[in-house]
Amino acid sequence: LSTMDNQELLLHLINKYERLIDKVMQDSEMNNVKVLPQLHTFLWGNKRGV
């Protein structure tokens, strides 16, 4: 997603993160996997050089 609207980007990222967590929880082979968000994108969005 290429957007300058940080609110829209954050909502999109959170929705994708939630779907990923749901997929991992449903897969028995992924029991020991830890899903972590890319916090830098939550904080700075698509900014370059931060």
PDB file of N, CA and C in Angstrom:
ATOM      1  N   LEU A   1       0.851  -1.186   0.000  1.00  0.00           N
ATOM      2  CA  LEU A   1       0.000   0.000   0.000  1.00  0.00           C
ATOM      3  C   LEU A   1       0.879   1.226   0.000  1.00  0.00           C
ATOM      4  N   SER A   2       0.679   2.072  -0.945  1.00  0.00           N
ATOM      5  CA  SER A   2       1.457   3.300  -1.039  1.00  0.00           C
ATOM      6  C   SER A   2       0.537   4.470  -0.743  1.00  0.00           C
ATOM      7  N   THR A   3       0.642   4.998   0.447  1.00  0.00           N
ATOM      8  CA  THR A   3      -0.249   6.091   0.824  1.00  0.00           C
ATOM      9  C   THR A   3       0.451   7.051   1.764  1.00  0.00           C
ATOM     10  N   MET A   4       0.065   8.290   1.688  1.00  0.00           N
ATOM     11  CA  MET A   4       0.593   9.296   2.600  1.00  0.00           C
ATOM     12  C   MET A   4      -0.325   9.452   3.810  1.00  0.00           C
ATOM     13  N   ASP A   5      -1.510   8.863   3.772  1.00  0.00           N
ATOM     14  CA  ASP A   5      -2.467   8.945   4.871  1.00  0.00           C
ATOM     15  C   ASP A   5      -2.085   7.914   5.931  1.00  0.00           C
ATOM     16  N   ASN A   6      -1.447   8.367   6.996  1.00  0.00           N
ATOM     17  CA  ASN A   6      -0.940   7.448   8.014  1.00  0.00           C
ATOM     18  C   ASN A   6      -2.050   6.680   8.720  1.00  0.00           C
ATOM     19  N   GLN A   7      -3.213   7.292   8.921  1.00  0.00           N
ATOM     20  CA  GLN A   7      -4.328   6.595   9.562  1.00  0.00           C
ATOM     21  C   GLN A   7      -4.783   5.416   8.703  1.00  0.00           C
ATOM     22  N   GLU A   8      -4.907   5.648   7.409  1.00  0.00           N
ATOM     23  CA  GLU A   8      -5.327   4.595   6.482  1.00  0.00           C
ATOM     24  C   GLU A   8      -4.283   3.480   6.433  1.00  0.00           C
ATOM     25  N   LEU A   9      -3.021   3.859   6.389  1.00  0.00           N
ATOM     26  CA  LEU A   9      -1.938   2.883   6.361  1.00  0.00           C
ATOM     27  C   LEU A   9      -1.926   2.046   7.633  1.00  0.00           C
ATOM     28  N   LEU A  10      -2.063   2.687   8.784  1.00  0.00           N
ATOM     29  CA  LEU A  10      -2.046   1.971  10.054  1.00  0.00           C
ATOM     30  C   LEU A  10      -3.203   0.982  10.143  1.00  0.00           C
ATOM     31  N   LEU A  11      -4.383   1.394   9.742  1.00  0.00           N
ATOM     32  CA  LEU A  11      -5.538   0.496   9.748  1.00  0.00           C
ATOM     33  C   LEU A  11      -5.298  -0.702   8.833  1.00  0.00           C
ATOM     34  N   HIS A  12      -4.752  -0.453   7.655  1.00  0.00           N
ATOM     35  CA  HIS A  12      -4.440  -1.526   6.706  1.00  0.00           C
ATOM     36  C   HIS A  12      -3.424  -2.507   7.313  1.00  0.00           C
ATOM     37  N   LEU A  13      -2.372  -1.980   7.925  1.00  0.00           N
ATOM     38  CA  LEU A  13      -1.339  -2.833   8.515  1.00  0.00           C
ATOM     39  C   LEU A  13      -1.876  -3.654   9.680  1.00  0.00           C
ATOM     40  N   ILE A  14      -2.703  -3.055  10.505  1.00  0.00           N
ATOM     41  CA  ILE A  14      -3.278  -3.777  11.643  1.00  0.00           C
ATOM     42  C   ILE A  14      -4.189  -4.898  11.161  1.00  0.00           C
ATOM     43  N   ASN A  15      -4.985  -4.641  10.137  1.00  0.00           N
ATOM     44  CA  ASN A  15      -5.858  -5.688   9.588  1.00  0.00           C
ATOM     45  C   ASN A  15      -5.046  -6.846   9.019  1.00  0.00           C
ATOM     46  N   LYS A  16      -3.971  -6.536   8.290  1.00  0.00           N
ATOM     47  CA  LYS A  16      -3.117  -7.594   7.740  1.00  0.00           C
ATOM     48  C   LYS A  16      -2.426  -8.374   8.856  1.00  0.00           C
ATOM     49  N   TYR A  17      -1.994  -7.686   9.893  1.00  0.00           N
ATOM     50  CA  TYR A  17      -1.338  -8.322  11.035  1.00  0.00           C
ATOM     51  C   TYR A  17      -2.306  -9.277  11.736  1.00  0.00           C
ATOM     52  N   GLU A  18      -3.540  -8.851  11.917  1.00  0.00           N
ATOM     53  CA  GLU A  18      -4.548  -9.691  12.554  1.00  0.00           C
ATOM     54  C   GLU A  18      -4.826 -10.946  11.723  1.00  0.00           C
ATOM     55  N   ARG A  19      -4.925 -10.794  10.398  1.00  0.00           N
ATOM     56  CA  ARG A  19      -5.143 -11.963   9.526  1.00  0.00           C
ATOM     57  C   ARG A  19      -3.971 -12.935   9.606  1.00  0.00           C
ATOM     58  N   LEU A  20      -2.751 -12.406   9.660  1.00  0.00           N
ATOM     59  CA  LEU A  20      -1.571 -13.260   9.767  1.00  0.00           C
ATOM     60  C   LEU A  20      -1.582 -14.033  11.081  1.00  0.00           C
ATOM     61  N   ILE A  21      -1.906 -13.366  12.169  1.00  0.00           N
ATOM     62  CA  ILE A  21      -1.981 -14.038  13.469  1.00  0.00           C
ATOM     63  C   ILE A  21      -3.020 -15.149  13.424  1.00  0.00           C
ATOM     64  N   ASP A  22      -4.187 -14.879  12.850  1.00  0.00           N
ATOM     65  CA  ASP A  22      -5.233 -15.901  12.742  1.00  0.00           C
ATOM     66  C   ASP A  22      -4.749 -17.109  11.949  1.00  0.00           C
ATOM     67  N   LYS A  23      -4.046 -16.875  10.839  1.00  0.00           N
ATOM     68  CA  LYS A  23      -3.516 -17.986  10.033  1.00  0.00           C
ATOM     69  C   LYS A  23      -2.517 -18.820  10.828  1.00  0.00           C
ATOM     70  N   VAL A  24      -1.629 -18.167  11.535  1.00  0.00           N
ATOM     71  CA  VAL A  24      -0.607 -18.869  12.310  1.00  0.00           C
ATOM     72  C   VAL A  24      -1.260 -19.688  13.417  1.00  0.00           C
ATOM     73  N   MET A  25      -2.265 -19.133  14.076  1.00  0.00           N
ATOM     74  CA  MET A  25      -2.934 -19.845  15.168  1.00  0.00           C
ATOM     75  C   MET A  25      -3.661 -21.089  14.675  1.00  0.00           C
ATOM     76  N   GLN A  26      -4.115 -21.087  13.436  1.00  0.00           N
ATOM     77  CA  GLN A  26      -4.856 -22.221  12.890  1.00  0.00           C
ATOM     78  C   GLN A  26      -3.949 -23.326  12.358  1.00  0.00           C
ATOM     79  N   ASP A  27      -2.672 -23.061  12.229  1.00  0.00           N
ATOM     80  CA  ASP A  27      -1.732 -24.026  11.652  1.00  0.00           C
ATOM     81  C   ASP A  27      -0.955 -24.721  12.766  1.00  0.00           C
ATOM     82  N   SER A  28      -1.180 -26.017  12.938  1.00  0.00           N
ATOM     83  CA  SER A  28      -0.527 -26.753  14.026  1.00  0.00           C
ATOM     84  C   SER A  28       0.993 -26.802  13.876  1.00  0.00           C
ATOM     85  N   GLU A  29       1.499 -26.683  12.657  1.00  0.00           N
ATOM     86  CA  GLU A  29       2.949 -26.681  12.452  1.00  0.00           C
ATOM     87  C   GLU A  29       3.593 -25.370  12.895  1.00  0.00           C
ATOM     88  N   MET A  30       2.789 -24.375  13.165  1.00  0.00           N
ATOM     89  CA  MET A  30       3.309 -23.059  13.539  1.00  0.00           C
ATOM     90  C   MET A  30       3.127 -22.774  15.030  1.00  0.00           C
ATOM     91  N   ASN A  31       2.970 -23.823  15.846  1.00  0.00           N
ATOM     92  CA  ASN A  31       2.715 -23.646  17.275  1.00  0.00           C
ATOM     93  C   ASN A  31       3.768 -22.805  17.979  1.00  0.00           C
ATOM     94  N   ASN A  32       5.007 -22.894  17.570  1.00  0.00           N
ATOM     95  CA  ASN A  32       6.084 -22.183  18.257  1.00  0.00           C
ATOM     96  C   ASN A  32       6.482 -20.874  17.576  1.00  0.00           C
ATOM     97  N   VAL A  33       5.713 -20.458  16.608  1.00  0.00           N
ATOM     98  CA  VAL A  33       6.029 -19.229  15.879  1.00  0.00           C
ATOM     99  C   VAL A  33       5.526 -18.019  16.657  1.00  0.00           C
ATOM    100  N   LYS A  34       6.343 -16.994  16.705  1.00  0.00           N
ATOM    101  CA  LYS A  34       5.937 -15.728  17.317  1.00  0.00           C
ATOM    102  C   LYS A  34       5.792 -14.699  16.200  1.00  0.00           C
ATOM    103  N   VAL A  35       4.620 -14.130  16.090  1.00  0.00           N
ATOM    104  CA  VAL A  35       4.342 -13.145  15.049  1.00  0.00           C
ATOM    105  C   VAL A  35       4.498 -11.760  15.661  1.00  0.00           C
ATOM    106  N   LEU A  36       5.427 -10.996  15.124  1.00  0.00           N
ATOM    107  CA  LEU A  36       5.686  -9.651  15.631  1.00  0.00           C
ATOM    108  C   LEU A  36       5.423  -8.626  14.532  1.00  0.00           C
ATOM    109  N   PRO A  37       4.837  -7.494  14.899  1.00  0.00           N
ATOM    110  CA  PRO A  37       4.594  -6.457  13.888  1.00  0.00           C
ATOM    111  C   PRO A  37       5.875  -5.715  13.552  1.00  0.00           C
ATOM    112  N   GLN A  38       5.881  -5.071  12.422  1.00  0.00           N
ATOM    113  CA  GLN A  38       6.992  -4.194  12.059  1.00  0.00           C
ATOM    114  C   GLN A  38       6.690  -2.835  12.684  1.00  0.00           C
ATOM    115  N   LEU A  39       7.149  -2.671  13.914  1.00  0.00           N
ATOM    116  CA  LEU A  39       6.790  -1.486  14.691  1.00  0.00           C
ATOM    117  C   LEU A  39       7.210  -0.184  14.025  1.00  0.00           C
ATOM    118  N   HIS A  40       8.295  -0.214  13.271  1.00  0.00           N
ATOM    119  CA  HIS A  40       8.731   1.018  12.607  1.00  0.00           C
ATOM    120  C   HIS A  40       7.676   1.525  11.618  1.00  0.00           C
ATOM    121  N   THR A  41       6.932   0.610  10.988  1.00  0.00           N
ATOM    122  CA  THR A  41       5.889   1.065  10.066  1.00  0.00           C
ATOM    123  C   THR A  41       4.690   1.612  10.827  1.00  0.00           C
ATOM    124  N   PHE A  42       4.423   1.078  12.023  1.00  0.00           N
ATOM    125  CA  PHE A  42       3.343   1.623  12.842  1.00  0.00           C
ATOM    126  C   PHE A  42       3.687   3.038  13.296  1.00  0.00           C
ATOM    127  N   LEU A  43       4.955   3.269  13.601  1.00  0.00           N
ATOM    128  CA  LEU A  43       5.378   4.576  14.117  1.00  0.00           C
ATOM    129  C   LEU A  43       5.587   5.613  13.024  1.00  0.00           C
ATOM    130  N   TRP A  44       6.280   5.221  11.946  1.00  0.00           N
ATOM    131  CA  TRP A  44       6.686   6.195  10.936  1.00  0.00           C
ATOM    132  C   TRP A  44       6.025   6.003   9.576  1.00  0.00           C
ATOM    133  N   GLY A  45       5.205   4.985   9.428  1.00  0.00           N
ATOM    134  CA  GLY A  45       4.527   4.774   8.149  1.00  0.00           C
ATOM    135  C   GLY A  45       5.515   4.494   7.037  1.00  0.00           C
ATOM    136  N   ASN A  46       5.307   5.115   5.895  1.00  0.00           N
ATOM    137  CA  ASN A  46       6.158   4.894   4.723  1.00  0.00           C
ATOM    138  C   ASN A  46       7.288   5.904   4.603  1.00  0.00           C
ATOM    139  N   LYS A  47       7.567   6.654   5.664  1.00  0.00           N
ATOM    140  CA  LYS A  47       8.640   7.654   5.610  1.00  0.00           C
ATOM    141  C   LYS A  47       9.969   6.991   5.307  1.00  0.00           C
ATOM    142  N   ARG A  48      10.780   7.658   4.549  1.00  0.00           N
ATOM    143  CA  ARG A  48      12.117   7.163   4.205  1.00  0.00           C
ATOM    144  C   ARG A  48      13.151   7.850   5.081  1.00  0.00           C
ATOM    145  N   GLY A  49      14.192   7.116   5.415  1.00  0.00           N
ATOM    146  CA  GLY A  49      15.325   7.701   6.117  1.00  0.00           C
ATOM    147  C   GLY A  49      15.131   7.923   7.602  1.00  0.00           C
ATOM    148  N   VAL A  50      14.200   7.206   8.212  1.00  0.00           N
ATOM    149  CA  VAL A  50      14.033   7.347   9.664  1.00  0.00           C
ATOM    150  C   VAL A  50      14.536   6.124  10.378  1.00  0.00           C
TER     151      VAL A  50
END
